[in-house]
């Protein structure tokens, strides 16, 4: 969310998504995050998404996974 820090707005929130895809275990869902850096990144993405109104595909989202 570097743009927002510079005072810029997202060009199109309707076409912008956030995902924690690379920081979570693939199987089984609900596996605890033991990597502290990954946990911090996940929390950061969730916080930024909420703050700036970006749709988030988090660990519990049924759509979470491959983003095209």
PDB file of N, CA and C in Angstrom:
ATOM      1  N   UNK A   1       0.814  -1.173   0.000  1.00  0.00           N
ATOM      2  CA  UNK A   1       0.000   0.000   0.000  1.00  0.00           C
ATOM      3  C   UNK A   1       0.871   1.255   0.000  1.00  0.00           C
ATOM      4  N   UNK A   2       1.977   1.148  -0.716  1.00  0.00           N
ATOM      5  CA  UNK A   2       2.913   2.263  -0.825  1.00  0.00           C
ATOM      6  C   UNK A   2       2.229   3.488  -1.413  1.00  0.00           C
ATOM      7  N   UNK A   3       1.362   3.298  -2.374  1.00  0.00           N
ATOM      8  CA  UNK A   3       0.658   4.419  -3.006  1.00  0.00           C
ATOM      9  C   UNK A   3      -0.080   5.250  -1.971  1.00  0.00           C
ATOM     10  N   UNK A   4      -0.775   4.597  -1.069  1.00  0.00           N
ATOM     11  CA  UNK A   4      -1.560   5.305  -0.057  1.00  0.00           C
ATOM     12  C   UNK A   4      -0.652   6.100   0.875  1.00  0.00           C
ATOM     13  N   UNK A   5       0.512   5.572   1.158  1.00  0.00           N
ATOM     14  CA  UNK A   5       1.447   6.298   2.019  1.00  0.00           C
ATOM     15  C   UNK A   5       1.908   7.593   1.353  1.00  0.00           C
ATOM     16  N   UNK A   6       1.912   7.609   0.038  1.00  0.00           N
ATOM     17  CA  UNK A   6       2.303   8.817  -0.696  1.00  0.00           C
ATOM     18  C   UNK A   6       1.108   9.725  -0.953  1.00  0.00           C
ATOM     19  N   UNK A   7      -0.063   9.337  -0.430  1.00  0.00           N
ATOM     20  CA  UNK A   7      -1.260  10.142  -0.625  1.00  0.00           C
ATOM     21  C   UNK A   7      -1.982   9.858  -1.925  1.00  0.00           C
ATOM     22  N   UNK A   8      -1.579   8.825  -2.634  1.00  0.00           N
ATOM     23  CA  UNK A   8      -2.229   8.457  -3.889  1.00  0.00           C
ATOM     24  C   UNK A   8      -3.395   7.524  -3.594  1.00  0.00           C
ATOM     25  N   UNK A   9      -4.382   7.526  -4.462  1.00  0.00           N
ATOM     26  CA  UNK A   9      -5.535   6.646  -4.300  1.00  0.00           C
ATOM     27  C   UNK A   9      -5.446   5.487  -5.284  1.00  0.00           C
ATOM     28  N   UNK A  10      -6.077   4.394  -4.921  1.00  0.00           N
ATOM     29  CA  UNK A  10      -6.140   3.240  -5.806  1.00  0.00           C
ATOM     30  C   UNK A  10      -6.958   3.608  -7.042  1.00  0.00           C
ATOM     31  N   UNK A  11      -6.444   3.267  -8.200  1.00  0.00           N
ATOM     32  CA  UNK A  11      -7.130   3.607  -9.450  1.00  0.00           C
ATOM     33  C   UNK A  11      -8.487   2.923  -9.557  1.00  0.00           C
ATOM     34  N   UNK A  12      -8.594   1.694  -9.069  1.00  0.00           N
ATOM     35  CA  UNK A  12      -9.860   0.979  -9.177  1.00  0.00           C
ATOM     36  C   UNK A  12      -9.960  -0.086  -8.088  1.00  0.00           C
ATOM     37  N   UNK A  13     -10.611   0.261  -6.988  1.00  0.00           N
ATOM     38  CA  UNK A  13     -10.789  -0.710  -5.909  1.00  0.00           C
ATOM     39  C   UNK A  13     -11.591  -1.921  -6.367  1.00  0.00           C
ATOM     40  N   UNK A  14     -12.480  -1.735  -7.329  1.00  0.00           N
ATOM     41  CA  UNK A  14     -13.301  -2.847  -7.825  1.00  0.00           C
ATOM     42  C   UNK A  14     -12.446  -3.918  -8.499  1.00  0.00           C
ATOM     43  N   UNK A  15     -11.257  -3.541  -8.971  1.00  0.00           N
ATOM     44  CA  UNK A  15     -10.386  -4.505  -9.659  1.00  0.00           C
ATOM     45  C   UNK A  15      -9.127  -4.822  -8.873  1.00  0.00           C
ATOM     46  N   UNK A  16      -9.103  -4.458  -7.601  1.00  0.00           N
ATOM     47  CA  UNK A  16      -7.921  -4.667  -6.768  1.00  0.00           C
ATOM     48  C   UNK A  16      -8.234  -5.670  -5.677  1.00  0.00           C
ATOM     49  N   UNK A  17      -7.364  -6.660  -5.510  1.00  0.00           N
ATOM     50  CA  UNK A  17      -7.531  -7.656  -4.459  1.00  0.00           C
ATOM     51  C   UNK A  17      -6.204  -7.851  -3.729  1.00  0.00           C
ATOM     52  N   UNK A  18      -6.298  -8.363  -2.523  1.00  0.00           N
ATOM     53  CA  UNK A  18      -5.120  -8.729  -1.740  1.00  0.00           C
ATOM     54  C   UNK A  18      -5.258 -10.200  -1.375  1.00  0.00           C
ATOM     55  N   UNK A  19      -4.121 -10.879  -1.288  1.00  0.00           N
ATOM     56  CA  UNK A  19      -4.145 -12.282  -0.908  1.00  0.00           C
ATOM     57  C   UNK A  19      -2.925 -12.611  -0.057  1.00  0.00           C
ATOM     58  N   UNK A  20      -3.059 -13.570   0.827  1.00  0.00           N
ATOM     59  CA  UNK A  20      -1.953 -14.021   1.674  1.00  0.00           C
ATOM     60  C   UNK A  20      -1.415 -15.348   1.155  1.00  0.00           C
ATOM     61  N   UNK A  21      -1.632 -15.592  -0.076  1.00  0.00           N
ATOM     62  CA  UNK A  21      -1.347 -16.827  -0.783  1.00  0.00           C
ATOM     63  C   UNK A  21      -0.015 -17.503  -0.469  1.00  0.00           C
ATOM     64  N   UNK A  22       1.076 -16.780  -0.470  1.00  0.00           N
ATOM     65  CA  UNK A  22       2.391 -17.415  -0.356  1.00  0.00           C
ATOM     66  C   UNK A  22       2.874 -17.585   1.077  1.00  0.00           C
ATOM     67  N   UNK A  23       2.086 -17.170   2.038  1.00  0.00           N
ATOM     68  CA  UNK A  23       2.495 -17.257   3.435  1.00  0.00           C
ATOM     69  C   UNK A  23       1.760 -18.314   4.230  1.00  0.00           C
ATOM     70  N   UNK A  24       0.846 -19.025   3.597  1.00  0.00           N
ATOM     71  CA  UNK A  24       0.045 -19.981   4.359  1.00  0.00           C
ATOM     72  C   UNK A  24       0.269 -21.406   3.860  1.00  0.00           C
ATOM     73  N   UNK A  25       0.106 -22.386   4.746  1.00  0.00           N
ATOM     74  CA  UNK A  25       0.228 -23.780   4.328  1.00  0.00           C
ATOM     75  C   UNK A  25      -0.875 -24.141   3.322  1.00  0.00           C
ATOM     76  N   UNK A  26      -0.557 -24.998   2.392  1.00  0.00           N
ATOM     77  CA  UNK A  26      -1.522 -25.403   1.385  1.00  0.00           C
ATOM     78  C   UNK A  26      -2.533 -26.394   1.947  1.00  0.00           C
ATOM     79  N   UNK A  27      -2.090 -27.371   2.676  1.00  0.00           N
ATOM     80  CA  UNK A  27      -2.973 -28.408   3.227  1.00  0.00           C
ATOM     81  C   UNK A  27      -2.547 -28.740   4.639  1.00  0.00           C
ATOM     82  N   UNK A  28      -3.365 -29.112   5.503  1.00  0.00           N
ATOM     83  CA  UNK A  28      -4.787 -28.844   5.472  1.00  0.00           C
ATOM     84  C   UNK A  28      -5.050 -27.401   5.885  1.00  0.00           C
ATOM     85  N   UNK A  29      -6.183 -26.889   5.444  1.00  0.00           N
ATOM     86  CA  UNK A  29      -6.557 -25.526   5.843  1.00  0.00           C
ATOM     87  C   UNK A  29      -6.682 -25.471   7.346  1.00  0.00           C
ATOM     88  N   UNK A  30      -6.316 -24.330   7.893  1.00  0.00           N
ATOM     89  CA  UNK A  30      -6.395 -24.164   9.338  1.00  0.00           C
ATOM     90  C   UNK A  30      -5.120 -24.557  10.067  1.00  0.00           C
ATOM     91  N   UNK A  31      -4.112 -25.029   9.318  1.00  0.00           N
ATOM     92  CA  UNK A  31      -2.836 -25.355   9.937  1.00  0.00           C
ATOM     93  C   UNK A  31      -2.247 -24.081  10.536  1.00  0.00           C
ATOM     94  N   UNK A  32      -1.798 -24.114  11.775  1.00  0.00           N
ATOM     95  CA  UNK A  32      -1.255 -22.909  12.406  1.00  0.00           C
ATOM     96  C   UNK A  32      -0.032 -22.368  11.656  1.00  0.00           C
ATOM     97  N   UNK A  33       0.116 -21.044  11.660  1.00  0.00           N
ATOM     98  CA  UNK A  33       1.275 -20.391  11.055  1.00  0.00           C
ATOM     99  C   UNK A  33       2.376 -20.375  12.116  1.00  0.00           C
ATOM    100  N   UNK A  34       3.447 -21.086  11.891  1.00  0.00           N
ATOM    101  CA  UNK A  34       4.536 -21.147  12.863  1.00  0.00           C
ATOM    102  C   UNK A  34       5.681 -20.207  12.517  1.00  0.00           C
ATOM    103  N   UNK A  35       5.730 -19.742  11.287  1.00  0.00           N
ATOM    104  CA  UNK A  35       6.759 -18.803  10.849  1.00  0.00           C
ATOM    105  C   UNK A  35       6.344 -17.392  11.284  1.00  0.00           C
ATOM    106  N   UNK A  36       7.102 -16.799  12.194  1.00  0.00           N
ATOM    107  CA  UNK A  36       6.727 -15.496  12.738  1.00  0.00           C
ATOM    108  C   UNK A  36       6.740 -14.385  11.693  1.00  0.00           C
ATOM    109  N   UNK A  37       7.638 -14.468  10.735  1.00  0.00           N
ATOM    110  CA  UNK A  37       7.680 -13.458   9.668  1.00  0.00           C
ATOM    111  C   UNK A  37       6.432 -13.581   8.797  1.00  0.00           C
ATOM    112  N   UNK A  38       6.053 -14.805   8.445  1.00  0.00           N
ATOM    113  CA  UNK A  38       4.837 -15.017   7.649  1.00  0.00           C
ATOM    114  C   UNK A  38       3.609 -14.514   8.402  1.00  0.00           C
ATOM    115  N   UNK A  39       3.540 -14.789   9.703  1.00  0.00           N
ATOM    116  CA  UNK A  39       2.398 -14.341  10.508  1.00  0.00           C
ATOM    117  C   UNK A  39       2.314 -12.817  10.517  1.00  0.00           C
ATOM    118  N   UNK A  40       3.450 -12.161  10.611  1.00  0.00           N
ATOM    119  CA  UNK A  40       3.479 -10.692  10.604  1.00  0.00           C
ATOM    120  C   UNK A  40       3.034 -10.153   9.243  1.00  0.00           C
ATOM    121  N   UNK A  41       3.476 -10.800   8.167  1.00  0.00           N
ATOM    122  CA  UNK A  41       3.067 -10.374   6.821  1.00  0.00           C
ATOM    123  C   UNK A  41       1.562 -10.555   6.626  1.00  0.00           C
ATOM    124  N   UNK A  42       1.020 -11.663   7.085  1.00  0.00           N
ATOM    125  CA  UNK A  42      -0.416 -11.926   6.965  1.00  0.00           C
ATOM    126  C   UNK A  42      -1.211 -10.858   7.716  1.00  0.00           C
ATOM    127  N   UNK A  43      -0.787 -10.553   8.932  1.00  0.00           N
ATOM    128  CA  UNK A  43      -1.470  -9.528   9.719  1.00  0.00           C
ATOM    129  C   UNK A  43      -1.365  -8.165   9.042  1.00  0.00           C
ATOM    130  N   UNK A  44      -0.207  -7.874   8.466  1.00  0.00           N
ATOM    131  CA  UNK A  44      -0.014  -6.600   7.774  1.00  0.00           C
ATOM    132  C   UNK A  44      -0.911  -6.457   6.563  1.00  0.00           C
ATOM    133  N   UNK A  45      -0.991  -7.495   5.751  1.00  0.00           N
ATOM    134  CA  UNK A  45      -1.850  -7.456   4.560  1.00  0.00           C
ATOM    135  C   UNK A  45      -3.309  -7.272   4.973  1.00  0.00           C
ATOM    136  N   UNK A  46      -3.734  -7.999   6.000  1.00  0.00           N
ATOM    137  CA  UNK A  46      -5.124  -7.876   6.466  1.00  0.00           C
ATOM    138  C   UNK A  46      -5.413  -6.458   6.965  1.00  0.00           C
ATOM    139  N   UNK A  47      -4.477  -5.892   7.694  1.00  0.00           N
ATOM    140  CA  UNK A  47      -4.662  -4.544   8.207  1.00  0.00           C
ATOM    141  C   UNK A  47      -4.728  -3.502   7.098  1.00  0.00           C
ATOM    142  N   UNK A  48      -3.818  -3.610   6.140  1.00  0.00           N
ATOM    143  CA  UNK A  48      -3.814  -2.669   5.013  1.00  0.00           C
ATOM    144  C   UNK A  48      -5.079  -2.812   4.168  1.00  0.00           C
ATOM    145  N   UNK A  49      -5.490  -4.044   3.933  1.00  0.00           N
ATOM    146  CA  UNK A  49      -6.702  -4.255   3.130  1.00  0.00           C
ATOM    147  C   UNK A  49      -7.906  -3.600   3.797  1.00  0.00           C
ATOM    148  N   UNK A  50      -8.022  -3.777   5.095  1.00  0.00           N
ATOM    149  CA  UNK A  50      -9.140  -3.169   5.828  1.00  0.00           C
ATOM    150  C   UNK A  50      -9.031  -1.647   5.802  1.00  0.00           C
ATOM    151  N   UNK A  51      -7.852  -1.142   6.057  1.00  0.00           N
ATOM    152  CA  UNK A  51      -7.643   0.310   6.119  1.00  0.00           C
ATOM    153  C   UNK A  51      -7.961   1.000   4.802  1.00  0.00           C
ATOM    154  N   UNK A  52      -7.591   0.363   3.683  1.00  0.00           N
ATOM    155  CA  UNK A  52      -7.736   1.010   2.389  1.00  0.00           C
ATOM    156  C   UNK A  52      -8.905   0.491   1.556  1.00  0.00           C
ATOM    157  N   UNK A  53      -9.700  -0.433   2.125  1.00  0.00           N
ATOM    158  CA  UNK A  53     -10.894  -0.893   1.440  1.00  0.00           C
ATOM    159  C   UNK A  53     -10.645  -1.851   0.291  1.00  0.00           C
ATOM    160  N   UNK A  54      -9.554  -2.618   0.385  1.00  0.00           N
ATOM    161  CA  UNK A  54      -9.212  -3.587  -0.662  1.00  0.00           C
ATOM    162  C   UNK A  54      -9.791  -4.949  -0.287  1.00  0.00           C
ATOM    163  N   UNK A  55     -10.428  -5.620  -1.244  1.00  0.00           N
ATOM    164  CA  UNK A  55     -10.988  -6.953  -0.993  1.00  0.00           C
ATOM    165  C   UNK A  55      -9.859  -7.934  -0.688  1.00  0.00           C
ATOM    166  N   UNK A  56     -10.003  -8.668   0.410  1.00  0.00           N
ATOM    167  CA  UNK A  56      -8.963  -9.590   0.866  1.00  0.00           C
ATOM    168  C   UNK A  56      -9.417 -11.038   0.745  1.00  0.00           C
ATOM    169  N   UNK A  57      -8.591 -11.840   0.103  1.00  0.00           N
ATOM    170  CA  UNK A  57      -8.770 -13.289   0.095  1.00  0.00           C
ATOM    171  C   UNK A  57      -7.844 -13.815   1.195  1.00  0.00           C
ATOM    172  N   UNK A  58      -8.377 -13.965   2.413  1.00  0.00           N
ATOM    173  CA  UNK A  58      -7.543 -14.399   3.527  1.00  0.00           C
ATOM    174  C   UNK A  58      -7.540 -15.922   3.647  1.00  0.00           C
ATOM    175  N   UNK A  59      -6.950 -16.414   4.727  1.00  0.00           N
ATOM    176  CA  UNK A  59      -6.805 -17.860   4.905  1.00  0.00           C
ATOM    177  C   UNK A  59      -8.135 -18.593   4.954  1.00  0.00           C
ATOM    178  N   UNK A  60      -9.180 -17.926   5.417  1.00  0.00           N
ATOM    179  CA  UNK A  60     -10.475 -18.577   5.565  1.00  0.00           C
ATOM    180  C   UNK A  60     -11.414 -18.346   4.390  1.00  0.00           C
ATOM    181  N   UNK A  61     -10.962 -17.592   3.411  1.00  0.00           N
ATOM    182  CA  UNK A  61     -11.807 -17.282   2.255  1.00  0.00           C
ATOM    183  C   UNK A  61     -11.969 -18.515   1.368  1.00  0.00           C
ATOM    184  N   UNK A  62     -13.192 -18.845   0.980  1.00  0.00           N
ATOM    185  CA  UNK A  62     -13.382 -19.991   0.077  1.00  0.00           C
ATOM    186  C   UNK A  62     -12.722 -19.760  -1.283  1.00  0.00           C
ATOM    187  N   UNK A  63     -12.496 -18.502  -1.640  1.00  0.00           N
ATOM    188  CA  UNK A  63     -11.867 -18.187  -2.924  1.00  0.00           C
ATOM    189  C   UNK A  63     -10.341 -18.126  -2.818  1.00  0.00           C
ATOM    190  N   UNK A  64      -9.784 -18.300  -1.635  1.00  0.00           N
ATOM    191  CA  UNK A  64      -8.350 -18.178  -1.430  1.00  0.00           C
ATOM    192  C   UNK A  64      -7.631 -19.247  -2.240  1.00  0.00           C
ATOM    193  N   UNK A  65      -6.540 -18.854  -2.853  1.00  0.00           N
ATOM    194  CA  UNK A  65      -5.756 -19.794  -3.652  1.00  0.00           C
ATOM    195  C   UNK A  65      -5.149 -19.088  -4.839  1.00  0.00           C
ATOM    196  N   UNK A  66      -5.262 -19.649  -6.001  1.00  0.00           N
ATOM    197  CA  UNK A  66      -4.651 -19.080  -7.195  1.00  0.00           C
ATOM    198  C   UNK A  66      -5.442 -17.856  -7.652  1.00  0.00           C
ATOM    199  N   UNK A  67      -4.717 -16.767  -7.867  1.00  0.00           N
ATOM    200  CA  UNK A  67      -5.318 -15.517  -8.336  1.00  0.00           C
ATOM    201  C   UNK A  67      -4.933 -15.337  -9.783  1.00  0.00           C
ATOM    202  N   UNK A  68      -5.913 -15.083 -10.632  1.00  0.00           N
ATOM    203  CA  UNK A  68      -5.633 -14.890 -12.064  1.00  0.00           C
ATOM    204  C   UNK A  68      -5.962 -13.493 -12.487  1.00  0.00           C
TER     205      UNK A  68
END
